[in-house]
Amino acid sequence: MMTATTTTEPARARAVLSNQDFKLLQDAVLFYLKAHEDDPISSKYSALYHRLGSAVRR
């Protein structure tokens, strides 16, 4: 006896963050950057700031 196998597609992923959330995060990172300009890790925050900006423009 053979049984039919059905494949179901996984549910579509829902967005966790909205475009407004990305803008808020970008503003928070900019605030941090201005307060910690001399910190060696600030280059990583600068890259994050720009990535968040590109996410908002999509």
N, C-alpha and C. Protein backbone atom coordinates (compact mmCIF):
# COMPACT_ATOMS: atom_id res chain seq x y z
N MET A 1 0.84 -1.18 0.00
CA MET A 1 0.00 0.00 0.00
C MET A 1 0.89 1.25 0.00
N MET A 2 0.60 2.16 -0.90
CA MET A 2 1.36 3.40 -0.98
C MET A 2 0.57 4.53 -0.34
N THR A 3 1.27 5.38 0.34
CA THR A 3 0.60 6.55 0.90
C THR A 3 1.10 7.78 0.17
N ALA A 4 0.20 8.66 -0.08
CA ALA A 4 0.56 9.91 -0.76
C ALA A 4 1.19 10.86 0.26
N THR A 5 2.27 11.45 -0.15
CA THR A 5 2.90 12.43 0.73
C THR A 5 2.60 13.82 0.20
N THR A 6 2.24 14.66 1.08
CA THR A 6 1.96 16.04 0.68
C THR A 6 3.04 16.93 1.30
N THR A 7 3.51 17.81 0.50
CA THR A 7 4.49 18.76 1.02
C THR A 7 3.79 20.09 1.20
N THR A 8 3.99 20.63 2.35
CA THR A 8 3.40 21.94 2.60
C THR A 8 4.52 22.96 2.66
N GLU A 9 4.27 24.08 2.09
CA GLU A 9 5.24 25.17 2.11
C GLU A 9 5.27 25.78 3.50
N PRO A 10 6.45 26.16 3.95
CA PRO A 10 6.50 26.83 5.25
C PRO A 10 5.79 28.17 5.18
N ALA A 11 5.29 28.59 6.30
CA ALA A 11 4.59 29.88 6.35
C ALA A 11 5.57 30.99 6.00
N ARG A 12 5.08 32.00 5.35
CA ARG A 12 5.91 33.14 4.96
C ARG A 12 6.37 33.88 6.21
N ALA A 13 7.63 34.22 6.23
CA ALA A 13 8.18 34.95 7.38
C ALA A 13 7.59 36.35 7.45
N ARG A 14 7.27 36.76 8.65
CA ARG A 14 6.73 38.10 8.84
C ARG A 14 7.86 39.03 9.24
N ALA A 15 7.78 40.26 8.81
CA ALA A 15 8.80 41.26 9.16
C ALA A 15 8.76 41.53 10.66
N VAL A 16 9.91 41.60 11.25
CA VAL A 16 9.99 41.86 12.68
C VAL A 16 10.08 43.36 12.94
N LEU A 17 10.76 44.07 12.05
CA LEU A 17 10.95 45.51 12.20
C LEU A 17 10.29 46.24 11.04
N SER A 18 9.72 47.38 11.33
CA SER A 18 9.14 48.21 10.28
C SER A 18 10.17 49.22 9.80
N ASN A 19 9.88 49.91 8.72
CA ASN A 19 10.77 50.96 8.23
C ASN A 19 10.95 52.04 9.27
N GLN A 20 9.92 52.33 10.02
CA GLN A 20 10.03 53.33 11.09
C GLN A 20 11.00 52.87 12.17
N ASP A 21 11.02 51.58 12.45
CA ASP A 21 11.96 51.03 13.44
C ASP A 21 13.40 51.22 12.97
N PHE A 22 13.65 50.99 11.68
CA PHE A 22 15.00 51.17 11.16
C PHE A 22 15.44 52.62 11.30
N LYS A 23 14.53 53.55 11.05
CA LYS A 23 14.86 54.98 11.19
C LYS A 23 15.18 55.31 12.65
N LEU A 24 14.40 54.78 13.57
CA LEU A 24 14.66 55.02 15.00
C LEU A 24 16.01 54.45 15.41
N LEU A 25 16.32 53.25 14.95
CA LEU A 25 17.61 52.64 15.25
C LEU A 25 18.75 53.44 14.65
N GLN A 26 18.55 53.93 13.44
CA GLN A 26 19.57 54.73 12.79
C GLN A 26 19.82 56.02 13.59
N ASP A 27 18.76 56.66 14.06
CA ASP A 27 18.91 57.87 14.88
C ASP A 27 19.65 57.56 16.18
N ALA A 28 19.35 56.43 16.80
CA ALA A 28 20.02 56.04 18.04
C ALA A 28 21.51 55.78 17.81
N VAL A 29 21.84 55.13 16.70
CA VAL A 29 23.24 54.86 16.39
C VAL A 29 23.97 56.17 16.10
N LEU A 30 23.32 57.10 15.41
CA LEU A 30 23.94 58.41 15.15
C LEU A 30 24.20 59.15 16.46
N PHE A 31 23.28 59.10 17.39
CA PHE A 31 23.47 59.72 18.71
C PHE A 31 24.69 59.11 19.40
N TYR A 32 24.80 57.79 19.35
CA TYR A 32 25.95 57.10 19.95
C TYR A 32 27.25 57.54 19.28
N LEU A 33 27.23 57.60 17.94
CA LEU A 33 28.43 57.98 17.20
C LEU A 33 28.92 59.37 17.61
N LYS A 34 27.99 60.30 17.74
CA LYS A 34 28.37 61.67 18.11
C LYS A 34 28.94 61.72 19.52
N ALA A 35 28.46 60.88 20.40
CA ALA A 35 28.92 60.89 21.79
C ALA A 35 30.22 60.12 21.97
N HIS A 36 30.55 59.23 21.03
CA HIS A 36 31.73 58.36 21.17
C HIS A 36 32.62 58.42 19.93
N GLU A 37 32.86 59.61 19.43
CA GLU A 37 33.63 59.76 18.19
C GLU A 37 35.03 59.15 18.27
N ASP A 38 35.65 59.23 19.42
CA ASP A 38 37.04 58.77 19.56
C ASP A 38 37.16 57.29 19.90
N ASP A 39 36.07 56.62 20.07
CA ASP A 39 36.08 55.20 20.42
C ASP A 39 36.50 54.38 19.21
N PRO A 40 37.45 53.46 19.36
CA PRO A 40 37.90 52.65 18.22
C PRO A 40 36.78 51.83 17.57
N ILE A 41 35.77 51.47 18.32
CA ILE A 41 34.67 50.66 17.75
C ILE A 41 33.69 51.51 16.94
N SER A 42 33.87 52.83 16.96
CA SER A 42 32.92 53.70 16.28
C SER A 42 32.85 53.43 14.78
N SER A 43 33.90 52.89 14.18
CA SER A 43 33.85 52.56 12.75
C SER A 43 32.81 51.48 12.47
N LYS A 44 32.66 50.56 13.41
CA LYS A 44 31.64 49.51 13.25
C LYS A 44 30.24 50.10 13.37
N TYR A 45 30.08 51.06 14.28
CA TYR A 45 28.79 51.72 14.42
C TYR A 45 28.48 52.59 13.20
N SER A 46 29.52 53.17 12.63
CA SER A 46 29.33 53.97 11.42
C SER A 46 28.83 53.09 10.28
N ALA A 47 29.41 51.91 10.13
CA ALA A 47 28.96 50.98 9.09
C ALA A 47 27.52 50.55 9.34
N LEU A 48 27.18 50.31 10.61
CA LEU A 48 25.80 49.95 10.95
C LEU A 48 24.85 51.08 10.61
N TYR A 49 25.26 52.30 10.91
CA TYR A 49 24.43 53.48 10.60
C TYR A 49 24.10 53.51 9.10
N HIS A 50 25.10 53.27 8.27
CA HIS A 50 24.88 53.33 6.82
C HIS A 50 24.05 52.15 6.34
N ARG A 51 24.23 50.97 6.92
CA ARG A 51 23.39 49.82 6.54
C ARG A 51 21.93 50.07 6.92
N LEU A 52 21.72 50.66 8.08
CA LEU A 52 20.34 50.96 8.48
C LEU A 52 19.72 51.99 7.52
N GLY A 53 20.52 52.93 7.08
CA GLY A 53 20.02 53.93 6.13
C GLY A 53 19.61 53.31 4.82
N SER A 54 20.36 52.33 4.36
CA SER A 54 19.99 51.68 3.10
C SER A 54 18.74 50.82 3.27
N ALA A 55 18.51 50.31 4.47
CA ALA A 55 17.31 49.51 4.72
C ALA A 55 16.06 50.40 4.71
N VAL A 56 16.21 51.64 5.17
CA VAL A 56 15.07 52.57 5.22
C VAL A 56 14.68 52.99 3.81
N ARG A 57 15.66 53.13 2.93
CA ARG A 57 15.38 53.62 1.57
C ARG A 57 14.76 52.57 0.67
N ARG A 58 14.71 51.34 1.06
CA ARG A 58 14.16 50.28 0.19
C ARG A 58 12.70 50.45 -0.02
